[in-house]
Amino acid sequence: MMTGFMWVALVITGIFFVSFVILFVCAWIIYTRVERAVISPGVIKDGH
């Protein structure tokens, strides 16, 4: 019975870890796109 609980805990932990990695990758992509938009000369030239 303890082995079943251990596997459930490991599966839940794995799901949380995978979702955290996916969220981190999405946040990194958004961050790099925002940085590129802020640094790009067209945005600075328009004055926005």
N, C-alpha and C. Protein backbone atom coordinates (compact mmCIF):
# COMPACT_ATOMS: atom_id res chain seq x y z
N MET A 1 0.84 -1.20 0.00
CA MET A 1 0.00 0.00 0.00
C MET A 1 0.88 1.26 0.00
N MET A 2 1.97 1.20 0.75
CA MET A 2 2.86 2.36 0.77
C MET A 2 3.49 2.59 -0.60
N THR A 3 3.74 1.52 -1.32
CA THR A 3 4.33 1.67 -2.65
C THR A 3 3.38 2.41 -3.59
N GLY A 4 2.08 2.14 -3.47
CA GLY A 4 1.10 2.84 -4.29
C GLY A 4 1.08 4.32 -4.01
N PHE A 5 1.12 4.68 -2.73
CA PHE A 5 1.16 6.10 -2.37
C PHE A 5 2.43 6.75 -2.88
N MET A 6 3.53 6.01 -2.83
CA MET A 6 4.79 6.56 -3.31
C MET A 6 4.72 6.85 -4.80
N TRP A 7 4.13 5.92 -5.57
CA TRP A 7 4.02 6.13 -7.01
C TRP A 7 3.10 7.30 -7.33
N VAL A 8 2.01 7.42 -6.57
CA VAL A 8 1.10 8.56 -6.80
C VAL A 8 1.83 9.87 -6.51
N ALA A 9 2.60 9.90 -5.42
CA ALA A 9 3.34 11.11 -5.08
C ALA A 9 4.39 11.43 -6.14
N LEU A 10 5.05 10.40 -6.65
CA LEU A 10 6.05 10.63 -7.69
C LEU A 10 5.41 11.14 -8.98
N VAL A 11 4.26 10.59 -9.34
CA VAL A 11 3.57 11.04 -10.55
C VAL A 11 3.12 12.49 -10.40
N ILE A 12 2.55 12.83 -9.26
CA ILE A 12 2.10 14.21 -9.03
C ILE A 12 3.30 15.16 -9.06
N THR A 13 4.41 14.75 -8.43
CA THR A 13 5.61 15.58 -8.44
C THR A 13 6.14 15.75 -9.86
N GLY A 14 6.12 14.70 -10.64
CA GLY A 14 6.56 14.80 -12.03
C GLY A 14 5.69 15.73 -12.84
N ILE A 15 4.37 15.65 -12.63
CA ILE A 15 3.46 16.54 -13.35
C ILE A 15 3.75 18.00 -13.01
N PHE A 16 3.94 18.29 -11.70
CA PHE A 16 4.26 19.65 -11.29
C PHE A 16 5.59 20.11 -11.89
N PHE A 17 6.58 19.22 -11.91
CA PHE A 17 7.88 19.59 -12.45
C PHE A 17 7.79 19.90 -13.94
N VAL A 18 7.08 19.07 -14.68
CA VAL A 18 6.94 19.29 -16.12
C VAL A 18 6.17 20.58 -16.39
N SER A 19 5.10 20.84 -15.63
CA SER A 19 4.34 22.07 -15.84
C SER A 19 5.18 23.29 -15.48
N PHE A 20 6.02 23.18 -14.45
CA PHE A 20 6.90 24.30 -14.10
C PHE A 20 7.90 24.58 -15.21
N VAL A 21 8.45 23.54 -15.79
CA VAL A 21 9.41 23.73 -16.88
C VAL A 21 8.72 24.37 -18.08
N ILE A 22 7.50 23.93 -18.40
CA ILE A 22 6.77 24.52 -19.53
C ILE A 22 6.48 25.99 -19.27
N LEU A 23 6.05 26.32 -18.05
CA LEU A 23 5.77 27.72 -17.72
C LEU A 23 7.05 28.56 -17.78
N PHE A 24 8.18 27.99 -17.34
CA PHE A 24 9.43 28.73 -17.38
C PHE A 24 9.84 29.01 -18.82
N VAL A 25 9.67 28.02 -19.70
CA VAL A 25 10.02 28.21 -21.11
C VAL A 25 9.12 29.27 -21.74
N CYS A 26 7.84 29.22 -21.44
CA CYS A 26 6.91 30.22 -22.00
C CYS A 26 7.27 31.63 -21.50
N ALA A 27 7.58 31.75 -20.21
CA ALA A 27 7.96 33.06 -19.66
C ALA A 27 9.25 33.55 -20.30
N TRP A 28 10.19 32.66 -20.54
CA TRP A 28 11.45 33.05 -21.17
C TRP A 28 11.23 33.53 -22.60
N ILE A 29 10.34 32.85 -23.33
CA ILE A 29 10.03 33.27 -24.71
C ILE A 29 9.37 34.64 -24.71
N ILE A 30 8.42 34.85 -23.80
CA ILE A 30 7.75 36.15 -23.72
C ILE A 30 8.76 37.24 -23.36
N TYR A 31 9.66 36.94 -22.42
CA TYR A 31 10.65 37.92 -22.00
C TYR A 31 11.57 38.31 -23.14
N THR A 32 12.04 37.32 -23.90
CA THR A 32 12.94 37.64 -25.01
C THR A 32 12.22 38.43 -26.10
N ARG A 33 10.97 38.13 -26.35
CA ARG A 33 10.22 38.88 -27.37
C ARG A 33 9.98 40.32 -26.93
N VAL A 34 9.68 40.51 -25.65
CA VAL A 34 9.46 41.87 -25.15
C VAL A 34 10.77 42.65 -25.20
N GLU A 35 11.88 42.02 -24.80
CA GLU A 35 13.17 42.69 -24.86
C GLU A 35 13.51 43.07 -26.30
N ARG A 36 13.27 42.17 -27.24
CA ARG A 36 13.56 42.46 -28.64
C ARG A 36 12.69 43.61 -29.13
N ALA A 37 11.43 43.67 -28.70
CA ALA A 37 10.55 44.75 -29.14
C ALA A 37 10.98 46.08 -28.54
N VAL A 38 11.45 46.07 -27.31
CA VAL A 38 11.86 47.32 -26.66
C VAL A 38 13.18 47.81 -27.25
N ILE A 39 14.08 46.91 -27.56
CA ILE A 39 15.41 47.31 -28.04
C ILE A 39 15.40 47.64 -29.53
N SER A 40 14.45 47.11 -30.28
CA SER A 40 14.48 47.28 -31.73
C SER A 40 14.40 48.76 -32.12
N PRO A 41 15.11 49.16 -33.18
CA PRO A 41 15.17 50.59 -33.55
C PRO A 41 13.82 51.15 -33.99
N GLY A 42 12.94 50.34 -34.56
CA GLY A 42 11.65 50.86 -35.02
C GLY A 42 10.81 51.40 -33.88
N VAL A 43 10.85 50.72 -32.75
CA VAL A 43 10.04 51.17 -31.61
C VAL A 43 10.63 52.46 -31.05
N ILE A 44 11.94 52.56 -30.99
CA ILE A 44 12.56 53.76 -30.45
C ILE A 44 12.33 54.94 -31.40
N LYS A 45 12.38 54.68 -32.71
CA LYS A 45 12.20 55.75 -33.71
C LYS A 45 10.78 56.32 -33.66
N ASP A 46 9.80 55.46 -33.38
CA ASP A 46 8.42 55.93 -33.31
C ASP A 46 8.14 56.68 -32.02
N GLY A 47 8.98 56.52 -31.03
CA GLY A 47 8.79 57.25 -29.79
C GLY A 47 7.84 56.59 -28.81
N HIS A 48 7.50 55.32 -29.03
CA HIS A 48 6.59 54.62 -28.12
C HIS A 48 7.38 53.87 -27.07
